[in-house]
Amino acid sequence: MISFTRKMLGKIYEKLLLFGQELQLIICPKNIEYHFPDFNTTERKRMNKACQKLLTKSAGTVFSGPFAGMKISENSYLKKCSEIIVGSYEQEIHKIINYVICRAPKHIINIGSAYGYYTVGLAYRIQKTRIVAFEAQVKPCWHDSDELAKINNVDSKIIQKGTCTSKELVKCCQPDSFILCDVEGAETDILALGENPNLASCLILVELHDFCKEETTPLLIQEFISTHDAVIVDESIRNPVEYRILDAFPEYMQRILIKEDRRIPDKMITWSRFMLLVPKQSSLWKTFLLSI
């Protein structure tokens, strides 16, 4: 009876995922692993198997998107992220990232670099650039990022640092830099224009986390209102048809493999939302708004 119940729950789970819902936040979110201990284990095994299949089809690289062709290291956390392998990860900002690659800034700062996807990806695509990557979690993020950089032969372009503060940012921020910021609530503390005048000419892309710190969006707009034009980039719908590497999977699985969750425990599933701050006075970025 217990085995039959688990199988039925598995089928129900797949159906709910097809419609973009998350079972664990609907049915006993805190206790589901206690009552059904192998439930998540089964799902993880299935996803790991699917990711391995994707890596085989992509020859161990990112299949599409701005960083297509970038190698994924064998022991990296990224090899378990299907949306990374497919290349659909954060597709909302693909056009922005592609423009940055075309403009090839000499200085890039990645605040909240995590496992190195954007740090290494930008270094991989831009021949002459120097990237400063800030990441507070030394283990395992620094190791994964370093390994990813080495197998893509870009480690000489990257300087890894720890926690980013407004003072630390001042030390490395050059005019006309591209700054990518994902720090879950500390954006308004770090991106302080009054302390860092060089920010006035930088192109800044921030992942918004108003659910971590209320009024993040209006505070950032107010901070940069005199120097930047602000553009909000909302989440877009993922369409499996756009990624031919998914053709070998059934339809419900295709949707799962490019699904991205932003989960906050005991609160909600959030959406992917960004703010692009385009400097009003910059020779490098002056045509940016015309291109998007």
Protein backbone atom coordinates (compact mmCIF):
# COMPACT_ATOMS: atom_id res chain seq x y z
CA MET A 1 0.00 0.00 0.00
CA ILE A 2 2.82 2.42 0.91
CA SER A 3 4.68 1.59 -2.32
CA PHE A 4 1.53 2.17 -4.38
CA THR A 5 0.92 5.51 -2.64
CA ARG A 6 4.46 6.67 -3.38
CA LYS A 7 4.11 5.77 -7.07
CA MET A 8 0.83 7.67 -7.28
CA LEU A 9 2.41 10.71 -5.60
CA GLY A 10 5.24 10.57 -8.11
CA LYS A 11 2.79 10.69 -11.03
CA ILE A 12 0.85 13.54 -9.43
CA TYR A 13 4.11 15.41 -8.85
CA GLU A 14 5.01 15.20 -12.55
CA LYS A 15 1.61 16.53 -13.57
CA LEU A 16 1.88 19.48 -11.19
CA LEU A 17 5.34 20.33 -12.49
CA LEU A 18 3.91 20.46 -16.00
CA PHE A 19 1.77 23.41 -14.92
CA GLY A 20 4.64 25.13 -13.13
CA GLN A 21 3.54 24.27 -9.60
CA GLU A 22 5.65 22.99 -6.74
CA LEU A 23 4.24 20.10 -4.73
CA GLN A 24 6.38 20.63 -1.66
CA LEU A 25 4.90 24.07 -1.02
CA ILE A 26 1.35 22.81 -1.45
CA ILE A 27 1.28 19.46 0.36
CA CYS A 28 2.89 19.33 3.83
CA PRO A 29 5.99 21.31 2.80
CA LYS A 30 7.81 20.75 6.10
CA ASN A 31 6.98 17.07 6.57
CA ILE A 32 6.95 15.45 3.15
CA GLU A 33 10.50 14.11 3.47
CA TYR A 34 9.66 12.71 6.92
CA HIS A 35 6.60 10.82 5.70
CA PHE A 36 8.10 9.79 2.33
CA PRO A 37 11.90 9.66 2.86
CA ASP A 38 12.77 8.38 -0.61
CA PHE A 39 10.53 10.85 -2.45
CA ASN A 40 13.13 13.58 -3.04
CA THR A 41 15.89 11.01 -3.43
CA THR A 42 14.03 9.46 -6.35
CA GLU A 43 13.53 12.85 -7.97
CA ARG A 44 17.19 13.78 -7.53
CA LYS A 45 18.31 10.51 -9.11
CA ARG A 46 16.03 11.12 -12.08
CA MET A 47 17.29 14.67 -12.52
CA ASN A 48 20.94 13.61 -12.19
CA LYS A 49 20.40 10.96 -14.84
CA ALA A 50 18.76 13.52 -17.14
CA CYS A 51 21.63 15.98 -16.57
CA GLN A 52 24.17 13.30 -17.43
CA LYS A 53 22.29 12.59 -20.64
CA LEU A 54 22.29 16.31 -21.47
CA LEU A 55 26.05 16.55 -20.80
CA THR A 56 26.68 13.61 -23.13
CA LYS A 57 24.63 15.23 -25.89
CA SER A 58 26.37 18.59 -25.39
CA ALA A 59 29.86 17.06 -25.19
CA GLY A 60 30.29 18.34 -21.64
CA THR A 61 29.63 21.98 -22.50
CA VAL A 62 26.88 24.57 -22.21
CA PHE A 63 24.69 23.80 -25.23
CA SER A 64 23.23 27.22 -26.10
CA GLY A 65 22.81 30.78 -24.87
CA PRO A 66 25.49 33.46 -24.36
CA PHE A 67 28.08 30.97 -23.06
CA ALA A 68 27.51 28.16 -25.56
CA GLY A 69 30.61 26.00 -25.80
CA MET A 70 31.89 26.72 -22.28
CA LYS A 71 33.13 23.50 -20.68
CA ILE A 72 31.47 22.28 -17.48
CA SER A 73 33.93 20.71 -15.04
CA GLU A 74 33.32 17.13 -13.97
CA ASN A 75 32.98 17.86 -10.24
CA SER A 76 31.14 21.15 -10.53
CA TYR A 77 27.75 21.78 -8.96
CA LEU A 78 26.73 23.19 -12.35
CA LYS A 79 26.69 19.73 -13.92
CA LYS A 80 23.58 19.04 -11.80
CA CYS A 81 21.78 22.12 -13.14
CA SER A 82 19.87 21.16 -16.27
CA GLU A 83 19.03 24.77 -17.16
CA ILE A 84 22.77 25.59 -17.14
CA ILE A 85 23.64 22.68 -19.45
CA VAL A 86 20.74 23.47 -21.80
CA GLY A 87 21.71 27.17 -21.81
CA SER A 88 18.27 28.48 -20.84
CA TYR A 89 19.37 29.74 -17.43
CA GLU A 90 18.07 33.26 -16.78
CA GLN A 91 17.08 33.67 -20.42
CA GLU A 92 15.49 37.01 -19.53
CA ILE A 93 18.92 38.64 -19.58
CA HIS A 94 20.50 36.78 -22.51
CA LYS A 95 20.15 39.78 -24.79
CA ILE A 96 21.83 42.02 -22.23
CA ILE A 97 24.70 39.58 -21.69
CA ASN A 98 25.19 39.25 -25.44
CA TYR A 99 25.39 43.03 -25.77
CA VAL A 100 27.97 43.21 -22.99
CA ILE A 101 30.02 40.57 -24.80
CA CYS A 102 29.88 42.62 -28.01
CA ARG A 103 30.99 45.79 -26.20
CA ALA A 104 33.84 43.86 -24.54
CA PRO A 105 34.42 46.00 -21.41
CA LYS A 106 37.93 45.91 -19.98
CA HIS A 107 36.64 45.64 -16.42
CA ILE A 108 33.84 43.42 -15.09
CA ILE A 109 32.73 42.95 -11.48
CA ASN A 110 30.56 39.99 -10.49
CA ILE A 111 29.09 40.45 -7.01
CA GLY A 112 27.71 37.14 -5.76
CA SER A 113 29.60 34.99 -8.25
CA ALA A 114 28.56 31.65 -6.68
CA TYR A 115 29.91 28.72 -8.71
CA GLY A 116 31.40 30.90 -11.44
CA TYR A 117 28.87 30.57 -14.26
CA TYR A 118 28.82 34.26 -15.19
CA THR A 119 32.40 34.97 -14.10
CA VAL A 120 33.89 32.23 -16.25
CA GLY A 121 31.32 32.64 -19.02
CA LEU A 122 32.15 36.31 -19.55
CA ALA A 123 35.88 35.62 -19.34
CA TYR A 124 35.38 32.83 -21.89
CA ARG A 125 33.54 35.07 -24.35
CA ILE A 126 35.50 38.33 -23.95
CA GLN A 127 39.10 38.06 -25.03
CA LYS A 128 40.60 41.07 -23.25
CA THR A 129 38.89 41.66 -19.93
CA ARG A 130 39.66 41.48 -16.23
CA ILE A 131 36.99 40.14 -13.88
CA VAL A 132 36.78 40.65 -10.12
CA ALA A 133 34.47 38.05 -8.59
CA PHE A 134 33.05 38.49 -5.09
CA GLU A 135 31.64 35.46 -3.29
CA ALA A 136 31.16 35.13 0.48
CA GLN A 137 30.82 31.32 0.48
CA VAL A 138 34.37 30.07 0.11
CA LYS A 139 33.36 26.39 0.20
CA PRO A 140 32.42 25.00 -2.25
CA CYS A 141 31.96 28.04 -4.50
CA TRP A 142 35.58 29.18 -4.82
CA HIS A 143 36.85 25.70 -5.68
CA ASP A 144 34.16 25.10 -8.29
CA SER A 145 34.70 28.51 -9.86
CA ASP A 146 38.47 28.04 -9.98
CA GLU A 147 38.15 24.60 -11.55
CA LEU A 148 35.67 25.91 -14.11
CA ALA A 149 38.04 28.76 -14.99
CA LYS A 150 41.01 26.44 -15.41
CA ILE A 151 39.36 23.96 -17.76
CA ASN A 152 38.24 26.91 -19.92
CA ASN A 153 41.73 28.48 -19.80
CA VAL A 154 40.54 31.81 -18.37
CA ASP A 155 41.82 31.63 -14.78
CA SER A 156 44.44 34.32 -15.49
CA LYS A 157 41.64 36.83 -16.18
CA ILE A 158 39.84 36.35 -12.85
CA ILE A 159 40.54 37.73 -9.38
CA GLN A 160 38.52 35.97 -6.67
CA LYS A 161 37.54 37.89 -3.53
CA GLY A 162 35.30 37.25 -0.53
CA THR A 163 32.41 39.31 0.84
CA CYS A 164 31.68 42.50 -1.08
CA THR A 165 30.97 45.74 0.75
CA SER A 166 30.61 49.26 -0.59
CA LYS A 167 34.19 49.98 0.49
CA GLU A 168 35.55 46.86 -1.21
CA LEU A 169 33.68 47.78 -4.38
CA VAL A 170 35.29 51.24 -4.41
CA LYS A 171 38.74 49.62 -4.46
CA CYS A 172 38.16 47.72 -7.70
CA CYS A 173 35.48 49.73 -9.54
CA GLN A 174 36.79 51.34 -12.72
CA PRO A 175 34.86 53.76 -14.99
CA ASP A 176 32.76 52.07 -17.71
CA SER A 177 32.81 48.71 -15.93
CA PHE A 178 30.04 46.13 -16.26
CA ILE A 179 28.71 45.14 -12.83
CA LEU A 180 26.57 42.06 -12.29
CA CYS A 181 25.03 41.95 -8.82
CA ASP A 182 23.18 39.06 -7.15
CA VAL A 183 23.43 39.36 -3.36
CA GLU A 184 19.89 38.73 -2.09
CA GLY A 185 19.10 41.84 -0.12
CA ALA A 186 22.43 43.68 0.14
CA GLU A 187 22.17 45.48 -3.20
CA THR A 188 21.30 48.88 -1.78
CA ASP A 189 24.13 48.69 0.77
CA ILE A 190 26.83 47.76 -1.76
CA LEU A 191 25.78 49.90 -4.73
CA ALA A 192 26.24 53.24 -3.00
CA LEU A 193 26.75 55.98 -5.57
CA GLY A 194 27.65 58.56 -2.91
CA GLU A 195 30.65 56.48 -1.82
CA ASN A 196 31.64 55.32 -5.28
CA PRO A 197 31.52 58.03 -8.02
CA ASN A 198 32.87 55.60 -10.64
CA LEU A 199 29.50 53.82 -10.57
CA ALA A 200 28.09 56.78 -12.54
CA SER A 201 29.57 55.43 -15.79
CA CYS A 202 29.07 51.70 -15.12
CA LEU A 203 26.46 49.46 -16.68
CA ILE A 204 24.84 47.66 -13.73
CA LEU A 205 22.62 44.58 -13.88
CA VAL A 206 20.99 43.67 -10.57
CA GLU A 207 18.87 40.65 -9.74
CA LEU A 208 16.11 42.11 -7.58
CA HIS A 209 15.28 40.62 -4.19
CA ASP A 210 12.46 42.73 -2.78
CA PHE A 211 11.26 39.59 -1.00
CA CYS A 212 14.50 39.64 1.05
CA LYS A 213 14.62 43.38 1.63
CA GLU A 214 11.50 45.44 1.06
CA GLU A 215 11.65 48.44 -1.28
CA THR A 216 14.91 47.33 -2.92
CA THR A 217 13.61 48.36 -6.34
CA PRO A 218 12.49 51.94 -5.50
CA LEU A 219 15.62 52.50 -3.40
CA LEU A 220 17.90 51.56 -6.29
CA ILE A 221 15.96 53.74 -8.71
CA GLN A 222 16.21 56.68 -6.32
CA GLU A 223 19.94 56.10 -5.74
CA PHE A 224 20.76 56.23 -9.46
CA ILE A 225 18.03 58.54 -10.75
CA SER A 226 20.46 61.32 -11.67
CA THR A 227 23.05 59.13 -13.41
CA HIS A 228 21.24 56.14 -14.90
CA ASP A 229 18.13 55.11 -16.78
CA ALA A 230 16.46 52.13 -15.10
CA VAL A 231 14.90 49.24 -17.03
CA ILE A 232 12.98 46.44 -15.29
CA VAL A 233 13.38 42.99 -16.88
CA ASP A 234 10.66 40.56 -15.84
CA GLU A 235 10.60 36.78 -16.06
CA SER A 236 9.81 35.32 -19.48
CA ILE A 237 8.11 32.05 -20.37
CA ARG A 238 10.41 29.13 -21.09
CA ASN A 239 9.58 27.28 -24.31
CA PRO A 240 11.21 23.84 -24.68
CA VAL A 241 10.85 24.04 -28.46
CA GLU A 242 13.59 26.69 -28.52
CA TYR A 243 16.15 24.19 -27.21
CA ARG A 244 16.61 21.27 -29.60
CA ILE A 245 18.82 19.38 -27.13
CA LEU A 246 15.57 18.60 -25.28
CA ASP A 247 14.09 16.70 -28.23
CA ALA A 248 15.18 13.36 -26.78
CA PHE A 249 13.03 13.85 -23.66
CA PRO A 250 9.24 13.53 -23.23
CA GLU A 251 7.30 16.81 -23.13
CA TYR A 252 6.71 16.91 -19.36
CA MET A 253 10.42 16.31 -18.76
CA GLN A 254 11.43 19.04 -21.21
CA ARG A 255 9.53 21.58 -19.12
CA ILE A 256 11.09 20.33 -15.89
CA LEU A 257 14.62 20.58 -17.30
CA ILE A 258 14.32 24.29 -18.07
CA LYS A 259 12.27 25.18 -15.00
CA GLU A 260 13.84 27.64 -12.55
CA ASP A 261 12.63 28.11 -8.97
CA ARG A 262 13.44 30.95 -6.62
CA ARG A 263 12.40 29.41 -3.30
CA ILE A 264 12.28 31.25 0.01
CA PRO A 265 11.56 28.83 2.91
CA ASP A 266 8.09 29.22 4.47
CA LYS A 267 7.27 32.18 2.23
CA MET A 268 6.76 31.71 -1.47
CA ILE A 269 8.22 30.79 -4.81
CA THR A 270 9.49 34.01 -6.28
CA TRP A 271 10.07 34.99 -9.88
CA SER A 272 13.16 36.04 -11.74
CA ARG A 273 13.32 39.84 -11.98
CA PHE A 274 16.16 42.18 -12.83
CA MET A 275 16.97 45.86 -13.00
CA LEU A 276 19.29 47.20 -15.66
CA LEU A 277 20.89 50.55 -14.84
CA VAL A 278 22.19 52.21 -17.99
CA PRO A 279 24.54 55.18 -17.44
CA LYS A 280 23.42 58.43 -19.07
CA GLN A 281 27.02 59.55 -19.62
CA SER A 282 29.29 56.78 -20.92
CA SER A 283 31.04 56.42 -24.25
CA LEU A 284 31.00 52.62 -23.94
CA TRP A 285 27.36 52.15 -22.96
CA LYS A 286 25.64 55.19 -24.54
CA THR A 287 23.92 53.15 -27.29
CA PHE A 288 22.72 50.40 -24.99
CA LEU A 289 19.05 51.40 -24.68
CA LEU A 290 18.79 51.64 -28.46
CA SER A 291 19.83 48.00 -28.78
CA ILE A 292 17.28 46.40 -26.47
